[in-house]
N, C-alpha and C. Protein backbone atom coordinates (compact mmCIF):
# COMPACT_ATOMS: atom_id res chain seq x y z
N UNK A 1 -11.43 -3.41 6.07
CA UNK A 1 -11.24 -4.85 6.23
C UNK A 1 -10.42 -5.21 4.97
N UNK A 2 -9.21 -5.90 5.03
CA UNK A 2 -8.53 -6.29 3.95
C UNK A 2 -9.25 -7.59 3.32
N UNK A 3 -9.52 -7.50 1.85
CA UNK A 3 -9.99 -8.58 1.21
C UNK A 3 -8.76 -9.38 0.45
N UNK A 4 -7.80 -8.48 -0.04
CA UNK A 4 -6.53 -9.15 -0.68
C UNK A 4 -5.56 -8.06 -0.51
N UNK A 5 -4.27 -8.59 -0.63
CA UNK A 5 -3.22 -7.58 -0.66
C UNK A 5 -2.01 -8.42 -1.33
N UNK A 6 -1.37 -7.46 -2.16
CA UNK A 6 -0.12 -7.92 -2.87
C UNK A 6 1.06 -6.89 -2.72
N UNK A 7 2.25 -7.41 -2.22
CA UNK A 7 3.25 -6.57 -1.93
C UNK A 7 4.59 -7.06 -2.75
N UNK A 8 5.45 -6.11 -3.11
CA UNK A 8 6.64 -6.52 -3.63
C UNK A 8 7.84 -5.93 -2.89
N UNK A 9 8.72 -6.52 -2.36
CA UNK A 9 9.82 -5.92 -1.68
C UNK A 9 10.90 -5.53 -2.71
N UNK A 10 11.35 -4.42 -2.70
CA UNK A 10 12.29 -3.72 -3.63
C UNK A 10 13.53 -3.59 -3.22
N UNK A 11 13.86 -3.30 -1.96
CA UNK A 11 15.06 -2.89 -1.38
C UNK A 11 15.09 -3.21 0.20
N UNK A 12 16.24 -3.59 0.73
CA UNK A 12 16.30 -3.83 2.21
C UNK A 12 16.11 -2.64 3.01
N UNK A 13 15.37 -2.77 4.27
CA UNK A 13 15.18 -1.73 5.23
C UNK A 13 16.06 -2.08 6.33
N UNK A 14 16.72 -1.03 6.80
CA UNK A 14 17.72 -1.27 7.88
C UNK A 14 17.32 -0.55 9.26
N UNK A 15 17.76 -1.01 10.25
CA UNK A 15 17.52 -0.35 11.59
C UNK A 15 17.94 1.02 11.55
N UNK A 16 17.12 1.96 11.81
CA UNK A 16 17.37 3.50 11.91
C UNK A 16 16.94 4.02 10.51
N UNK A 17 16.37 3.47 9.48
CA UNK A 17 15.72 4.09 8.44
C UNK A 17 14.59 4.76 8.74
N UNK A 18 14.25 5.63 8.12
CA UNK A 18 12.88 6.46 8.27
C UNK A 18 12.17 6.06 6.98
N UNK A 19 11.03 5.43 7.08
CA UNK A 19 10.20 4.99 5.88
C UNK A 19 8.84 5.98 5.84
N UNK A 20 8.60 6.41 4.59
CA UNK A 20 7.46 7.19 4.37
C UNK A 20 6.47 6.48 3.48
N UNK A 21 5.16 6.19 3.66
CA UNK A 21 4.25 5.47 3.08
C UNK A 21 3.20 6.53 2.37
N UNK A 22 3.24 6.35 1.00
CA UNK A 22 2.13 7.10 0.33
C UNK A 22 1.06 6.07 -0.26
N UNK A 23 -0.24 6.29 -0.04
CA UNK A 23 -1.20 5.49 -0.46
C UNK A 23 -2.15 6.51 -1.13
N UNK A 24 -2.81 5.69 -2.20
CA UNK A 24 -3.92 6.39 -2.84
C UNK A 24 -5.05 5.30 -3.41
N UNK A 25 -6.22 5.76 -3.18
CA UNK A 25 -7.46 4.89 -3.51
C UNK A 25 -7.47 5.11 -5.15
N UNK A 26 -7.31 3.86 -5.75
CA UNK A 26 -7.15 3.89 -7.28
C UNK A 26 -8.26 3.40 -7.94
N UNK A 27 -9.24 2.97 -7.12
CA UNK A 27 -10.60 2.37 -7.82
C UNK A 27 -11.56 1.96 -6.72
N UNK A 28 -12.75 1.86 -7.19
CA UNK A 28 -13.81 1.32 -6.27
C UNK A 28 -14.87 0.41 -6.89
N UNK A 29 -15.44 -0.51 -6.11
CA UNK A 29 -16.55 -1.33 -6.61
C UNK A 29 -17.63 -0.92 -5.79
N UNK A 30 -18.59 0.07 -5.96
CA UNK A 30 -19.52 0.61 -5.05
C UNK A 30 -20.54 -0.46 -4.61
N UNK A 31 -20.98 -1.27 -5.56
CA UNK A 31 -21.96 -2.25 -5.33
C UNK A 31 -21.57 -3.36 -4.35
N UNK A 32 -20.14 -3.60 -4.18
CA UNK A 32 -19.60 -4.57 -3.37
C UNK A 32 -18.99 -3.75 -2.20
N UNK A 33 -19.02 -2.39 -2.14
CA UNK A 33 -18.54 -1.61 -1.00
C UNK A 33 -17.01 -2.00 -1.01
N UNK A 34 -16.35 -1.90 -2.01
CA UNK A 34 -14.96 -2.18 -1.99
C UNK A 34 -14.13 -1.18 -2.60
N UNK A 35 -12.71 -0.79 -2.14
CA UNK A 35 -12.06 -0.03 -2.90
C UNK A 35 -10.54 -0.66 -2.99
N UNK A 36 -9.92 0.03 -3.98
CA UNK A 36 -8.56 -0.55 -4.29
C UNK A 36 -7.50 0.61 -3.77
N UNK A 37 -6.52 0.22 -3.15
CA UNK A 37 -5.56 1.12 -2.84
C UNK A 37 -4.04 0.64 -3.24
N UNK A 38 -3.37 1.75 -3.85
CA UNK A 38 -1.98 1.38 -4.28
C UNK A 38 -1.07 2.07 -3.21
N UNK A 39 0.04 1.51 -2.65
CA UNK A 39 0.91 2.13 -1.78
C UNK A 39 2.36 1.97 -2.34
N UNK A 40 3.06 2.94 -1.87
CA UNK A 40 4.57 3.02 -2.03
C UNK A 40 5.25 3.30 -0.71
N UNK A 41 6.33 2.65 -0.37
CA UNK A 41 7.09 2.87 0.98
C UNK A 41 8.58 3.27 0.39
N UNK A 42 8.97 4.49 0.80
CA UNK A 42 10.17 5.08 0.18
C UNK A 42 11.02 5.46 1.55
N UNK A 43 12.38 5.06 1.58
CA UNK A 43 13.13 5.42 2.61
C UNK A 43 13.63 6.81 2.73
N UNK A 44 14.41 7.22 3.67
CA UNK A 44 14.92 8.60 3.76
C UNK A 44 15.97 8.98 2.68
N UNK A 45 16.41 8.16 1.79
CA UNK A 45 17.31 8.37 0.79
C UNK A 45 16.67 8.45 -0.58
N UNK A 46 15.16 8.21 -0.44
CA UNK A 46 14.38 8.38 -1.57
C UNK A 46 14.24 7.13 -2.45
N UNK A 47 14.73 6.08 -1.96
CA UNK A 47 14.69 4.69 -2.54
C UNK A 47 13.37 4.01 -2.20
N UNK A 48 12.68 3.60 -3.33
CA UNK A 48 11.54 2.73 -2.83
C UNK A 48 11.88 1.25 -2.47
N UNK A 49 11.20 1.00 -1.20
CA UNK A 49 11.71 -0.12 -0.67
C UNK A 49 10.52 -1.25 -0.72
N UNK A 50 9.33 -0.67 -0.98
CA UNK A 50 8.27 -1.57 -1.25
C UNK A 50 7.11 -1.05 -1.86
N UNK A 51 6.54 -1.87 -2.55
CA UNK A 51 5.14 -1.30 -3.34
C UNK A 51 4.05 -2.41 -2.98
N UNK A 52 2.92 -1.91 -3.03
CA UNK A 52 1.69 -2.90 -2.78
C UNK A 52 0.35 -2.37 -3.33
N UNK A 53 -0.58 -3.32 -3.45
CA UNK A 53 -1.90 -3.06 -3.77
C UNK A 53 -2.71 -3.83 -2.77
N UNK A 54 -3.96 -3.22 -2.47
CA UNK A 54 -4.93 -3.79 -1.54
C UNK A 54 -6.27 -3.64 -2.08
N UNK A 55 -7.01 -4.60 -1.70
CA UNK A 55 -8.56 -4.50 -2.02
C UNK A 55 -9.16 -4.44 -0.63
N UNK A 56 -9.93 -3.48 -0.17
CA UNK A 56 -10.54 -3.47 1.05
C UNK A 56 -12.13 -3.33 0.98
N UNK A 57 -12.59 -3.94 2.05
CA UNK A 57 -14.09 -3.88 2.10
C UNK A 57 -14.60 -2.86 3.15
N UNK A 58 -15.55 -2.10 2.85
CA UNK A 58 -15.90 -0.84 3.74
C UNK A 58 -17.25 -1.30 4.35
N UNK A 59 -17.27 -1.75 5.65
CA UNK A 59 -18.49 -2.09 6.23
C UNK A 59 -19.56 -0.88 6.30
N UNK A 60 -20.68 -1.20 6.49
CA UNK A 60 -21.81 -0.29 6.36
C UNK A 60 -21.84 0.52 7.80
C-alpha cells in the first residue's frame, strides 16, 4: 500500500511509445514495516520520461 509518492515528468510520452520501468528498493524502516522504492521510466529511444520515489507499507 502506498504511503507517499513523488514523481517528476521529464519528457512527453507519445502514442505507440514502449516504456520500460525499472524499480529498486532503496531503503526500509523495519519497525514500521515500510520500504522505499525508486523508479525510472525510459522510452524505446533510451530517454528517461519519468522518475519517482515511493514509500510503501507492507501489511503483516
